[in-house]
Amino acid sequence: MNALGKHLLLELKGCDREVLNDIGFLREALLAAAVGAGATVLGESFHQFKPQGVSGVVIIAESHICIHTWPEYGYAAADIFTCGSTVQPEKVAEIILGKLGGKNHSIAEMPIGVLDTQLV
């Protein structure tokens, strides 16, 4: 299949609630995942919700890595989108899982930009 990129949707359940509400920890976790997978970090933005929860995005040259947390449920959702072949989104997911833990998780993968090679 000739795709321009991959999109992974990562769900983490049973995570430490304090970790999911720690904006500094989550920022460092996503930046470490980007760098550890060989991505080129262009910027980042994170927001702490009141009374709890964090949303954040790391913009990479290859696309983006996002997270949204619900500490009250021990739940986090991550969105990993990469273009090209230099960064493997599976490696990003592996690093995030290692940092956040969780009792169980699921990953859905979608190819992005599946092209008809006769048109290219």
PDB file of N, CA and C in Angstrom:
ATOM      1  N   MET A   1       0.846  -1.179   0.000  1.00  0.00           N
ATOM      2  CA  MET A   1       0.000   0.000   0.000  1.00  0.00           C
ATOM      3  C   MET A   1       0.886   1.235   0.000  1.00  0.00           C
ATOM      4  N   ASN A   2       0.588   2.163  -0.842  1.00  0.00           N
ATOM      5  CA  ASN A   2       1.363   3.387  -0.973  1.00  0.00           C
ATOM      6  C   ASN A   2       0.655   4.503  -0.194  1.00  0.00           C
ATOM      7  N   ALA A   3       1.075   4.723   1.051  1.00  0.00           N
ATOM      8  CA  ALA A   3       0.455   5.744   1.898  1.00  0.00           C
ATOM      9  C   ALA A   3       1.476   6.829   2.211  1.00  0.00           C
ATOM     10  N   LEU A   4       0.986   8.046   2.379  1.00  0.00           N
ATOM     11  CA  LEU A   4       1.857   9.170   2.721  1.00  0.00           C
ATOM     12  C   LEU A   4       2.247   9.170   4.192  1.00  0.00           C
ATOM     13  N   GLY A   5       1.434   8.532   5.032  1.00  0.00           N
ATOM     14  CA  GLY A   5       1.738   8.516   6.454  1.00  0.00           C
ATOM     15  C   GLY A   5       0.880   7.532   7.211  1.00  0.00           C
ATOM     16  N   LYS A   6       1.054   7.550   8.547  1.00  0.00           N
ATOM     17  CA  LYS A   6       0.290   6.678   9.444  1.00  0.00           C
ATOM     18  C   LYS A   6      -0.319   7.515  10.546  1.00  0.00           C
ATOM     19  N   HIS A   7      -1.489   7.081  10.984  1.00  0.00           N
ATOM     20  CA  HIS A   7      -2.179   7.737  12.082  1.00  0.00           C
ATOM     21  C   HIS A   7      -2.511   6.661  13.109  1.00  0.00           C
ATOM     22  N   LEU A   8      -1.953   6.795  14.319  1.00  0.00           N
ATOM     23  CA  LEU A   8      -2.246   5.859  15.402  1.00  0.00           C
ATOM     24  C   LEU A   8      -3.114   6.551  16.438  1.00  0.00           C
ATOM     25  N   LEU A   9      -4.132   5.844  16.904  1.00  0.00           N
ATOM     26  CA  LEU A   9      -4.965   6.300  18.008  1.00  0.00           C
ATOM     27  C   LEU A   9      -4.681   5.362  19.173  1.00  0.00           C
ATOM     28  N   LEU A  10      -4.143   5.926  20.246  1.00  0.00           N
ATOM     29  CA  LEU A  10      -3.710   5.154  21.403  1.00  0.00           C
ATOM     30  C   LEU A  10      -4.612   5.476  22.580  1.00  0.00           C
ATOM     31  N   GLU A  11      -5.194   4.448  23.192  1.00  0.00           N
ATOM     32  CA  GLU A  11      -5.995   4.613  24.399  1.00  0.00           C
ATOM     33  C   GLU A  11      -5.294   3.903  25.551  1.00  0.00           C
ATOM     34  N   LEU A  12      -5.157   4.608  26.671  1.00  0.00           N
ATOM     35  CA  LEU A  12      -4.519   4.055  27.859  1.00  0.00           C
ATOM     36  C   LEU A  12      -5.515   4.083  29.007  1.00  0.00           C
ATOM     37  N   LYS A  13      -5.742   2.937  29.626  1.00  0.00           N
ATOM     38  CA  LYS A  13      -6.690   2.830  30.731  1.00  0.00           C
ATOM     39  C   LYS A  13      -5.971   2.321  31.973  1.00  0.00           C
ATOM     40  N   GLY A  14      -6.467   2.756  33.129  1.00  0.00           N
ATOM     41  CA  GLY A  14      -5.875   2.311  34.390  1.00  0.00           C
ATOM     42  C   GLY A  14      -4.542   2.973  34.689  1.00  0.00           C
ATOM     43  N   CYS A  15      -4.363   4.210  34.233  1.00  0.00           N
ATOM     44  CA  CYS A  15      -3.122   4.951  34.477  1.00  0.00           C
ATOM     45  C   CYS A  15      -3.144   5.611  35.854  1.00  0.00           C
ATOM     46  N   ASP A  16      -1.975   5.943  36.345  1.00  0.00           N
ATOM     47  CA  ASP A  16      -1.822   6.695  37.596  1.00  0.00           C
ATOM     48  C   ASP A  16      -2.485   8.059  37.415  1.00  0.00           C
ATOM     49  N   ARG A  17      -3.443   8.375  38.250  1.00  0.00           N
ATOM     50  CA  ARG A  17      -4.215   9.620  38.110  1.00  0.00           C
ATOM     51  C   ARG A  17      -3.354  10.863  38.314  1.00  0.00           C
ATOM     52  N   GLU A  18      -2.365  10.787  39.200  1.00  0.00           N
ATOM     53  CA  GLU A  18      -1.488  11.942  39.430  1.00  0.00           C
ATOM     54  C   GLU A  18      -0.644  12.250  38.197  1.00  0.00           C
ATOM     55  N   VAL A  19      -0.131  11.212  37.555  1.00  0.00           N
ATOM     56  CA  VAL A  19       0.671  11.387  36.338  1.00  0.00           C
ATOM     57  C   VAL A  19      -0.171  12.047  35.250  1.00  0.00           C
ATOM     58  N   LEU A  20      -1.433  11.640  35.140  1.00  0.00           N
ATOM     59  CA  LEU A  20      -2.306  12.181  34.098  1.00  0.00           C
ATOM     60  C   LEU A  20      -2.690  13.637  34.336  1.00  0.00           C
ATOM     61  N   ASN A  21      -2.406  14.146  35.527  1.00  0.00           N
ATOM     62  CA  ASN A  21      -2.725  15.540  35.831  1.00  0.00           C
ATOM     63  C   ASN A  21      -1.466  16.394  35.969  1.00  0.00           C
ATOM     64  N   ASP A  22      -0.314  15.822  35.631  1.00  0.00           N
ATOM     65  CA  ASP A  22       0.980  16.504  35.778  1.00  0.00           C
ATOM     66  C   ASP A  22       1.436  17.019  34.415  1.00  0.00           C
ATOM     67  N   ILE A  23       1.164  18.295  34.165  1.00  0.00           N
ATOM     68  CA  ILE A  23       1.451  18.882  32.848  1.00  0.00           C
ATOM     69  C   ILE A  23       2.939  18.807  32.502  1.00  0.00           C
ATOM     70  N   GLY A  24       3.810  19.016  33.474  1.00  0.00           N
ATOM     71  CA  GLY A  24       5.250  18.948  33.221  1.00  0.00           C
ATOM     72  C   GLY A  24       5.692  17.549  32.830  1.00  0.00           C
ATOM     73  N   PHE A  25       5.184  16.544  33.541  1.00  0.00           N
ATOM     74  CA  PHE A  25       5.517  15.162  33.228  1.00  0.00           C
ATOM     75  C   PHE A  25       5.026  14.793  31.822  1.00  0.00           C
ATOM     76  N   LEU A  26       3.787  15.160  31.507  1.00  0.00           N
ATOM     77  CA  LEU A  26       3.222  14.821  30.198  1.00  0.00           C
ATOM     78  C   LEU A  26       3.956  15.525  29.067  1.00  0.00           C
ATOM     79  N   ARG A  27       4.321  16.768  29.295  1.00  0.00           N
ATOM     80  CA  ARG A  27       5.091  17.515  28.290  1.00  0.00           C
ATOM     81  C   ARG A  27       6.412  16.791  28.007  1.00  0.00           C
ATOM     82  N   GLU A  28       7.124  16.452  29.076  1.00  0.00           N
ATOM     83  CA  GLU A  28       8.406  15.758  28.914  1.00  0.00           C
ATOM     84  C   GLU A  28       8.230  14.381  28.275  1.00  0.00           C
ATOM     85  N   ALA A  29       7.145  13.685  28.612  1.00  0.00           N
ATOM     86  CA  ALA A  29       6.889  12.358  28.035  1.00  0.00           C
ATOM     87  C   ALA A  29       6.681  12.438  26.528  1.00  0.00           C
ATOM     88  N   LEU A  30       5.883  13.407  26.077  1.00  0.00           N
ATOM     89  CA  LEU A  30       5.635  13.538  24.643  1.00  0.00           C
ATOM     90  C   LEU A  30       6.870  14.028  23.893  1.00  0.00           C
ATOM     91  N   LEU A  31       7.606  14.950  24.493  1.00  0.00           N
ATOM     92  CA  LEU A  31       8.850  15.402  23.855  1.00  0.00           C
ATOM     93  C   LEU A  31       9.857  14.259  23.775  1.00  0.00           C
ATOM     94  N   ALA A  32       9.957  13.462  24.841  1.00  0.00           N
ATOM     95  CA  ALA A  32      10.867  12.306  24.831  1.00  0.00           C
ATOM     96  C   ALA A  32      10.441  11.298  23.769  1.00  0.00           C
ATOM     97  N   ALA A  33       9.145  11.097  23.599  1.00  0.00           N
ATOM     98  CA  ALA A  33       8.651  10.169  22.581  1.00  0.00           C
ATOM     99  C   ALA A  33       9.002  10.666  21.180  1.00  0.00           C
ATOM    100  N   ALA A  34       8.838  11.957  20.959  1.00  0.00           N
ATOM    101  CA  ALA A  34       9.164  12.528  19.650  1.00  0.00           C
ATOM    102  C   ALA A  34      10.649  12.372  19.348  1.00  0.00           C
ATOM    103  N   VAL A  35      11.486  12.807  20.269  1.00  0.00           N
ATOM    104  CA  VAL A  35      12.935  12.742  20.078  1.00  0.00           C
ATOM    105  C   VAL A  35      13.402  11.290  19.989  1.00  0.00           C
ATOM    106  N   GLY A  36      12.862  10.431  20.858  1.00  0.00           N
ATOM    107  CA  GLY A  36      13.251   9.019  20.882  1.00  0.00           C
ATOM    108  C   GLY A  36      12.902   8.280  19.603  1.00  0.00           C
ATOM    109  N   ALA A  37      11.900   8.765  18.896  1.00  0.00           N
ATOM    110  CA  ALA A  37      11.506   8.135  17.627  1.00  0.00           C
ATOM    111  C   ALA A  37      12.167   8.802  16.426  1.00  0.00           C
ATOM    112  N   GLY A  38      13.023   9.796  16.689  1.00  0.00           N
ATOM    113  CA  GLY A  38      13.754  10.444  15.610  1.00  0.00           C
ATOM    114  C   GLY A  38      13.012  11.573  14.914  1.00  0.00           C
ATOM    115  N   ALA A  39      11.953  12.080  15.540  1.00  0.00           N
ATOM    116  CA  ALA A  39      11.191  13.171  14.932  1.00  0.00           C
ATOM    117  C   ALA A  39      11.904  14.504  15.143  1.00  0.00           C
ATOM    118  N   THR A  40      11.571  15.471  14.315  1.00  0.00           N
ATOM    119  CA  THR A  40      12.100  16.821  14.420  1.00  0.00           C
ATOM    120  C   THR A  40      11.042  17.693  15.092  1.00  0.00           C
ATOM    121  N   VAL A  41      11.301  18.088  16.347  1.00  0.00           N
ATOM    122  CA  VAL A  41      10.346  18.888  17.104  1.00  0.00           C
ATOM    123  C   VAL A  41      10.387  20.339  16.628  1.00  0.00           C
ATOM    124  N   LEU A  42       9.210  20.864  16.283  1.00  0.00           N
ATOM    125  CA  LEU A  42       9.091  22.247  15.830  1.00  0.00           C
ATOM    126  C   LEU A  42       8.470  23.151  16.897  1.00  0.00           C
ATOM    127  N   GLY A  43       7.665  22.581  17.773  1.00  0.00           N
ATOM    128  CA  GLY A  43       7.007  23.376  18.806  1.00  0.00           C
ATOM    129  C   GLY A  43       6.106  22.509  19.652  1.00  0.00           C
ATOM    130  N   GLU A  44       5.522  23.120  20.687  1.00  0.00           N
ATOM    131  CA  GLU A  44       4.610  22.386  21.552  1.00  0.00           C
ATOM    132  C   GLU A  44       3.698  23.360  22.266  1.00  0.00           C
ATOM    133  N   SER A  45       2.541  22.855  22.687  1.00  0.00           N
ATOM    134  CA  SER A  45       1.596  23.641  23.463  1.00  0.00           C
ATOM    135  C   SER A  45       0.822  22.698  24.374  1.00  0.00           C
ATOM    136  N   PHE A  46       0.746  23.037  25.652  1.00  0.00           N
ATOM    137  CA  PHE A  46       0.044  22.217  26.641  1.00  0.00           C
ATOM    138  C   PHE A  46      -0.860  23.108  27.477  1.00  0.00           C
ATOM    139  N   HIS A  47      -1.976  22.545  27.933  1.00  0.00           N
ATOM    140  CA  HIS A  47      -2.926  23.285  28.748  1.00  0.00           C
ATOM    141  C   HIS A  47      -3.382  22.429  29.925  1.00  0.00           C
ATOM    142  N   GLN A  48      -3.372  23.015  31.125  1.00  0.00           N
ATOM    143  CA  GLN A  48      -3.863  22.361  32.340  1.00  0.00           C
ATOM    144  C   GLN A  48      -5.302  22.798  32.578  1.00  0.00           C
ATOM    145  N   PHE A  49      -6.220  21.850  32.625  1.00  0.00           N
ATOM    146  CA  PHE A  49      -7.617  22.167  32.898  1.00  0.00           C
ATOM    147  C   PHE A  49      -7.858  22.179  34.401  1.00  0.00           C
ATOM    148  N   LYS A  50      -8.867  22.928  34.809  1.00  0.00           N
ATOM    149  CA  LYS A  50      -9.287  22.970  36.202  1.00  0.00           C
ATOM    150  C   LYS A  50     -10.665  22.353  36.296  1.00  0.00           C
ATOM    151  N   PRO A  51     -10.908  21.418  37.154  1.00  0.00           N
ATOM    152  CA  PRO A  51     -10.053  21.050  38.271  1.00  0.00           C
ATOM    153  C   PRO A  51      -8.980  20.029  37.919  1.00  0.00           C
ATOM    154  N   GLN A  52      -9.066  19.394  36.727  1.00  0.00           N
ATOM    155  CA  GLN A  52      -8.075  18.380  36.380  1.00  0.00           C
ATOM    156  C   GLN A  52      -8.077  18.111  34.887  1.00  0.00           C
ATOM    157  N   GLY A  53      -7.000  17.478  34.433  1.00  0.00           N
ATOM    158  CA  GLY A  53      -6.871  17.099  33.029  1.00  0.00           C
ATOM    159  C   GLY A  53      -5.874  17.965  32.287  1.00  0.00           C
ATOM    160  N   VAL A  54      -5.279  17.380  31.286  1.00  0.00           N
ATOM    161  CA  VAL A  54      -4.272  18.059  30.467  1.00  0.00           C
ATOM    162  C   VAL A  54      -4.522  17.711  29.003  1.00  0.00           C
ATOM    163  N   SER A  55      -4.359  18.701  28.144  1.00  0.00           N
ATOM    164  CA  SER A  55      -4.313  18.472  26.702  1.00  0.00           C
ATOM    165  C   SER A  55      -3.009  19.069  26.201  1.00  0.00           C
ATOM    166  N   GLY A  56      -2.370  18.369  25.284  1.00  0.00           N
ATOM    167  CA  GLY A  56      -1.119  18.891  24.760  1.00  0.00           C
ATOM    168  C   GLY A  56      -0.813  18.355  23.384  1.00  0.00           C
ATOM    169  N   VAL A  57       0.001  19.126  22.673  1.00  0.00           N
ATOM    170  CA  VAL A  57       0.420  18.722  21.339  1.00  0.00           C
ATOM    171  C   VAL A  57       1.891  19.074  21.144  1.00  0.00           C
ATOM    172  N   VAL A  58       2.599  18.164  20.522  1.00  0.00           N
ATOM    173  CA  VAL A  58       3.965  18.414  20.083  1.00  0.00           C
ATOM    174  C   VAL A  58       3.911  18.417  18.558  1.00  0.00           C
ATOM    175  N   ILE A  59       4.265  19.550  17.980  1.00  0.00           N
ATOM    176  CA  ILE A  59       4.300  19.663  16.521  1.00  0.00           C
ATOM    177  C   ILE A  59       5.667  19.171  16.055  1.00  0.00           C
ATOM    178  N   ILE A  60       5.645  18.236  15.148  1.00  0.00           N
ATOM    179  CA  ILE A  60       6.890  17.705  14.592  1.00  0.00           C
ATOM    180  C   ILE A  60       6.885  17.969  13.088  1.00  0.00           C
ATOM    181  N   ALA A  61       8.061  18.022  12.505  1.00  0.00           N
ATOM    182  CA  ALA A  61       8.152  18.251  11.059  1.00  0.00           C
ATOM    183  C   ALA A  61       7.377  17.174  10.300  1.00  0.00           C
ATOM    184  N   GLU A  62       7.285  16.010  10.906  1.00  0.00           N
ATOM    185  CA  GLU A  62       6.615  14.877  10.282  1.00  0.00           C
ATOM    186  C   GLU A  62       5.113  14.854  10.570  1.00  0.00           C
ATOM    187  N   SER A  63       4.586  15.761  11.380  1.00  0.00           N
ATOM    188  CA  SER A  63       3.164  16.008  11.665  1.00  0.00           C
ATOM    189  C   SER A  63       2.949  16.353  13.133  1.00  0.00           C
ATOM    190  N   HIS A  64       2.335  15.447  13.961  1.00  0.00           N
ATOM    191  CA  HIS A  64       2.049  15.830  15.348  1.00  0.00           C
ATOM    192  C   HIS A  64       1.855  14.632  16.270  1.00  0.00           C
ATOM    193  N   ILE A  65       1.982  14.921  17.582  1.00  0.00           N
ATOM    194  CA  ILE A  65       1.700  13.962  18.645  1.00  0.00           C
ATOM    195  C   ILE A  65       0.855  14.716  19.671  1.00  0.00           C
ATOM    196  N   CYS A  66      -0.332  14.207  19.975  1.00  0.00           N
ATOM    197  CA  CYS A  66      -1.244  14.883  20.914  1.00  0.00           C
ATOM    198  C   CYS A  66      -1.622  13.945  22.050  1.00  0.00           C
ATOM    199  N   ILE A  67      -2.018  14.539  23.175  1.00  0.00           N
ATOM    200  CA  ILE A  67      -2.555  13.763  24.291  1.00  0.00           C
ATOM    201  C   ILE A  67      -3.666  14.551  24.965  1.00  0.00           C
ATOM    202  N   HIS A  68      -4.645  13.820  25.460  1.00  0.00           N
ATOM    203  CA  HIS A  68      -5.738  14.379  26.249  1.00  0.00           C
ATOM    204  C   HIS A  68      -5.942  13.423  27.414  1.00  0.00           C
ATOM    205  N   THR A  69      -6.034  13.968  28.633  1.00  0.00           N
ATOM    206  CA  THR A  69      -6.151  13.095  29.804  1.00  0.00           C
ATOM    207  C   THR A  69      -7.414  13.385  30.603  1.00  0.00           C
ATOM    208  N   TRP A  70      -7.909  12.338  31.205  1.00  0.00           N
ATOM    209  CA  TRP A  70      -9.038  12.386  32.130  1.00  0.00           C
ATOM    210  C   TRP A  70      -8.584  11.689  33.411  1.00  0.00           C
ATOM    211  N   PRO A  71      -7.872  12.407  34.285  1.00  0.00           N
ATOM    212  CA  PRO A  71      -7.337  11.786  35.500  1.00  0.00           C
ATOM    213  C   PRO A  71      -8.414  11.124  36.359  1.00  0.00           C
ATOM    214  N   GLU A  72      -9.592  11.723  36.395  1.00  0.00           N
ATOM    215  CA  GLU A  72     -10.660  11.171  37.239  1.00  0.00           C
ATOM    216  C   GLU A  72     -11.065   9.758  36.818  1.00  0.00           C
ATOM    217  N   TYR A  73     -10.730   9.373  35.579  1.00  0.00           N
ATOM    218  CA  TYR A  73     -11.020   8.029  35.084  1.00  0.00           C
ATOM    219  C   TYR A  73      -9.757   7.190  34.888  1.00  0.00           C
ATOM    220  N   GLY A  74      -8.583   7.768  35.153  1.00  0.00           N
ATOM    221  CA  GLY A  74      -7.334   7.056  34.908  1.00  0.00           C
ATOM    222  C   GLY A  74      -7.121   6.778  33.429  1.00  0.00           C
ATOM    223  N   TYR A  75      -7.625   7.678  32.570  1.00  0.00           N
ATOM    224  CA  TYR A  75      -7.665   7.451  31.123  1.00  0.00           C
ATOM    225  C   TYR A  75      -6.934   8.555  30.352  1.00  0.00           C
ATOM    226  N   ALA A  76      -6.245   8.142  29.303  1.00  0.00           N
ATOM    227  CA  ALA A  76      -5.608   9.094  28.392  1.00  0.00           C
ATOM    228  C   ALA A  76      -5.786   8.596  26.964  1.00  0.00           C
ATOM    229  N   ALA A  77      -5.904   9.561  26.044  1.00  0.00           N
ATOM    230  CA  ALA A  77      -5.976   9.254  24.620  1.00  0.00           C
ATOM    231  C   ALA A  77      -4.847  10.011  23.931  1.00  0.00           C
ATOM    232  N   ALA A  78      -4.105   9.324  23.088  1.00  0.00           N
ATOM    233  CA  ALA A  78      -3.018   9.961  22.339  1.00  0.00           C
ATOM    234  C   ALA A  78      -3.274   9.774  20.851  1.00  0.00           C
ATOM    235  N   ASP A  79      -2.886  10.779  20.104  1.00  0.00           N
ATOM    236  CA  ASP A  79      -3.049  10.828  18.666  1.00  0.00           C
ATOM    237  C   ASP A  79      -1.647  10.999  18.078  1.00  0.00           C
ATOM    238  N   ILE A  80      -1.213  10.042  17.285  1.00  0.00           N
ATOM    239  CA  ILE A  80       0.143  10.061  16.736  1.00  0.00           C
ATOM    240  C   ILE A  80       0.032  10.017  15.214  1.00  0.00           C
ATOM    241  N   PHE A  81       0.461  11.086  14.579  1.00  0.00           N
ATOM    242  CA  PHE A  81       0.333  11.216  13.125  1.00  0.00           C
ATOM    243  C   PHE A  81       1.728  11.487  12.573  1.00  0.00           C
ATOM    244  N   THR A  82       2.194  10.622  11.687  1.00  0.00           N
ATOM    245  CA  THR A  82       3.499  10.838  11.074  1.00  0.00           C
ATOM    246  C   THR A  82       3.402  10.676   9.561  1.00  0.00           C
ATOM    247  N   CYS A  83       4.151  11.485   8.867  1.00  0.00           N
ATOM    248  CA  CYS A  83       4.237  11.423   7.411  1.00  0.00           C
ATOM    249  C   CYS A  83       5.637  10.966   7.028  1.00  0.00           C
ATOM    250  N   GLY A  84       5.746  10.313   5.911  1.00  0.00           N
ATOM    251  CA  GLY A  84       7.048   9.844   5.453  1.00  0.00           C
ATOM    252  C   GLY A  84       7.451   8.565   6.162  1.00  0.00           C
ATOM    253  N   SER A  85       8.707   8.209   6.005  1.00  0.00           N
ATOM    254  CA  SER A  85       9.185   6.941   6.567  1.00  0.00           C
ATOM    255  C   SER A  85      10.307   7.116   7.587  1.00  0.00           C
ATOM    256  N   THR A  86      10.648   8.349   7.921  1.00  0.00           N
ATOM    257  CA  THR A  86      11.769   8.558   8.846  1.00  0.00           C
ATOM    258  C   THR A  86      11.379   8.346  10.302  1.00  0.00           C
ATOM    259  N   VAL A  87      10.116   8.541  10.649  1.00  0.00           N
ATOM    260  CA  VAL A  87       9.653   8.367  12.029  1.00  0.00           C
ATOM    261  C   VAL A  87       8.585   7.285  12.050  1.00  0.00           C
ATOM    262  N   GLN A  88       8.770   6.307  12.917  1.00  0.00           N
ATOM    263  CA  GLN A  88       7.800   5.232  13.052  1.00  0.00           C
ATOM    264  C   GLN A  88       6.845   5.562  14.204  1.00  0.00           C
ATOM    265  N   PRO A  89       5.558   5.752  13.936  1.00  0.00           N
ATOM    266  CA  PRO A  89       4.625   6.100  14.999  1.00  0.00           C
ATOM    267  C   PRO A  89       4.511   5.014  16.069  1.00  0.00           C
ATOM    268  N   GLU A  90       4.808   3.766  15.701  1.00  0.00           N
ATOM    269  CA  GLU A  90       4.782   2.680  16.679  1.00  0.00           C
ATOM    270  C   GLU A  90       5.822   2.913  17.776  1.00  0.00           C
ATOM    271  N   LYS A  91       6.967   3.475  17.417  1.00  0.00           N
ATOM    272  CA  LYS A  91       8.012   3.788  18.399  1.00  0.00           C
ATOM    273  C   LYS A  91       7.536   4.900  19.339  1.00  0.00           C
ATOM    274  N   VAL A  92       6.840   5.903  18.790  1.00  0.00           N
ATOM    275  CA  VAL A  92       6.275   6.977  19.614  1.00  0.00           C
ATOM    276  C   VAL A  92       5.313   6.372  20.631  1.00  0.00           C
ATOM    277  N   ALA A  93       4.415   5.498  20.161  1.00  0.00           N
ATOM    278  CA  ALA A  93       3.439   4.858  21.046  1.00  0.00           C
ATOM    279  C   ALA A  93       4.125   4.036  22.124  1.00  0.00           C
ATOM    280  N   GLU A  94       5.155   3.294  21.752  1.00  0.00           N
ATOM    281  CA  GLU A  94       5.906   2.471  22.703  1.00  0.00           C
ATOM    282  C   GLU A  94       6.501   3.329  23.823  1.00  0.00           C
ATOM    283  N   ILE A  95       7.060   4.467  23.475  1.00  0.00           N
ATOM    284  CA  ILE A  95       7.671   5.353  24.464  1.00  0.00           C
ATOM    285  C   ILE A  95       6.596   5.955  25.373  1.00  0.00           C
ATOM    286  N   ILE A  96       5.490   6.403  24.794  1.00  0.00           N
ATOM    287  CA  ILE A  96       4.400   6.951  25.606  1.00  0.00           C
ATOM    288  C   ILE A  96       3.874   5.891  26.566  1.00  0.00           C
ATOM    289  N   LEU A  97       3.674   4.673  26.087  1.00  0.00           N
ATOM    290  CA  LEU A  97       3.220   3.583  26.955  1.00  0.00           C
ATOM    291  C   LEU A  97       4.194   3.333  28.098  1.00  0.00           C
ATOM    292  N   GLY A  98       5.478   3.356  27.788  1.00  0.00           N
ATOM    293  CA  GLY A  98       6.489   3.153  28.814  1.00  0.00           C
ATOM    294  C   GLY A  98       6.471   4.238  29.880  1.00  0.00           C
ATOM    295  N   LYS A  99       6.191   5.461  29.477  1.00  0.00           N
ATOM    296  CA  LYS A  99       6.171   6.589  30.415  1.00  0.00           C
ATOM    297  C   LYS A  99       4.885   6.639  31.239  1.00  0.00           C
ATOM    298  N   LEU A 100       3.740   6.357  30.597  1.00  0.00           N
ATOM    299  CA  LEU A 100       2.455   6.500  31.277  1.00  0.00           C
ATOM    300  C   LEU A 100       1.950   5.204  31.898  1.00  0.00           C
ATOM    301  N   GLY A 101       2.443   4.090  31.404  1.00  0.00           N
ATOM    302  CA  GLY A 101       2.001   2.812  31.951  1.00  0.00           C
ATOM    303  C   GLY A 101       0.537   2.565  31.639  1.00  0.00           C
ATOM    304  N   GLY A 102      -0.190   2.179  32.630  1.00  0.00           N
ATOM    305  CA  GLY A 102      -1.600   1.847  32.434  1.00  0.00           C
ATOM    306  C   GLY A 102      -1.793   0.354  32.502  1.00  0.00           C
ATOM    307  N   LYS A 103      -2.939  -0.036  32.991  1.00  0.00           N
ATOM    308  CA  LYS A 103      -3.224  -1.464  33.131  1.00  0.00           C
ATOM    309  C   LYS A 103      -3.557  -2.115  31.796  1.00  0.00           C
ATOM    310  N   ASN A 104      -4.133  -1.342  30.874  1.00  0.00           N
ATOM    311  CA  ASN A 104      -4.369  -1.874  29.534  1.00  0.00           C
ATOM    312  C   ASN A 104      -4.431  -0.729  28.536  1.00  0.00           C
ATOM    313  N   HIS A 105      -4.224  -1.088  27.287  1.00  0.00           N
ATOM    314  CA  HIS A 105      -4.226  -0.083  26.223  1.00  0.00           C
ATOM    315  C   HIS A 105      -4.690  -0.719  24.916  1.00  0.00           C
ATOM    316  N   SER A 106      -5.035   0.143  23.983  1.00  0.00           N
ATOM    317  CA  SER A 106      -5.362  -0.321  22.632  1.00  0.00           C
ATOM    318  C   SER A 106      -4.800   0.686  21.635  1.00  0.00           C
ATOM    319  N   ILE A 107      -4.492   0.181  20.453  1.00  0.00           N
ATOM    320  CA  ILE A 107      -3.964   1.023  19.378  1.00  0.00           C
ATOM    321  C   ILE A 107      -4.732   0.713  18.100  1.00  0.00           C
ATOM    322  N   ALA A 108      -5.238   1.762  17.471  1.00  0.00           N
ATOM    323  CA  ALA A 108      -5.856   1.629  16.152  1.00  0.00           C
ATOM    324  C   ALA A 108      -4.950   2.350  15.160  1.00  0.00           C
ATOM    325  N   GLU A 109      -4.736   1.752  14.009  1.00  0.00           N
ATOM    326  CA  GLU A 109      -3.852   2.339  12.991  1.00  0.00           C
ATOM    327  C   GLU A 109      -4.611   2.573  11.698  1.00  0.00           C
ATOM    328  N   MET A 110      -4.376   3.730  11.110  1.00  0.00           N
ATOM    329  CA  MET A 110      -4.963   4.055   9.812  1.00  0.00           C
ATOM    330  C   MET A 110      -3.877   4.594   8.891  1.00  0.00           C
ATOM    331  N   PRO A 111      -3.774   4.065   7.679  1.00  0.00           N
ATOM    332  CA  PRO A 111      -2.874   4.685   6.709  1.00  0.00           C
ATOM    333  C   PRO A 111      -3.498   6.001   6.250  1.00  0.00           C
ATOM    334  N   ILE A 112      -2.672   7.003   6.035  1.00  0.00           N
ATOM    335  CA  ILE A 112      -3.134   8.317   5.622  1.00  0.00           C
ATOM    336  C   ILE A 112      -2.585   8.622   4.227  1.00  0.00           C
ATOM    337  N   GLY A 113      -3.411   9.146   3.381  1.00  0.00           N
ATOM    338  CA  GLY A 113      -2.966   9.529   2.034  1.00  0.00           C
ATOM    339  C   GLY A 113      -2.663   8.340   1.167  1.00  0.00           C
ATOM    340  N   VAL A 114      -3.575   7.376   1.128  1.00  0.00           N
ATOM    341  CA  VAL A 114      -3.402   6.224   0.250  1.00  0.00           C
ATOM    342  C   VAL A 114      -3.686   6.697  -1.166  1.00  0.00           C
ATOM    343  N   LEU A 115      -2.668   6.633  -1.990  1.00  0.00           N
ATOM    344  CA  LEU A 115      -2.758   7.199  -3.335  1.00  0.00           C
ATOM    345  C   LEU A 115      -2.827   6.137  -4.406  1.00  0.00           C
ATOM    346  N   ASP A 116      -3.520   6.442  -5.450  1.00  0.00           N
ATOM    347  CA  ASP A 116      -3.537   5.609  -6.643  1.00  0.00           C
ATOM    348  C   ASP A 116      -2.229   5.913  -7.371  1.00  0.00           C
ATOM    349  N   THR A 117      -1.313   4.962  -7.384  1.00  0.00           N
ATOM    350  CA  THR A 117       0.011   5.215  -7.949  1.00  0.00           C
ATOM    351  C   THR A 117      -0.041   5.555  -9.438  1.00  0.00           C
ATOM    352  N   GLN A 118      -1.141   5.237 -10.110  1.00  0.00           N
ATOM    353  CA  GLN A 118      -1.263   5.591 -11.527  1.00  0.00           C
ATOM    354  C   GLN A 118      -1.456   7.096 -11.694  1.00  0.00           C
ATOM    355  N   LEU A 119      -1.936   7.765 -10.625  1.00  0.00           N
ATOM    356  CA  LEU A 119      -2.158   9.209 -10.712  1.00  0.00           C
ATOM    357  C   LEU A 119      -0.949  10.012 -10.296  1.00  0.00           C
ATOM    358  N   VAL A 120      -0.011   9.380  -9.627  1.00  0.00           N
ATOM    359  CA  VAL A 120       1.144  10.097  -9.093  1.00  0.00           C
ATOM    360  C   VAL A 120       2.274  10.109 -10.084  1.00  0.00           C
TER     361      VAL A 120
END
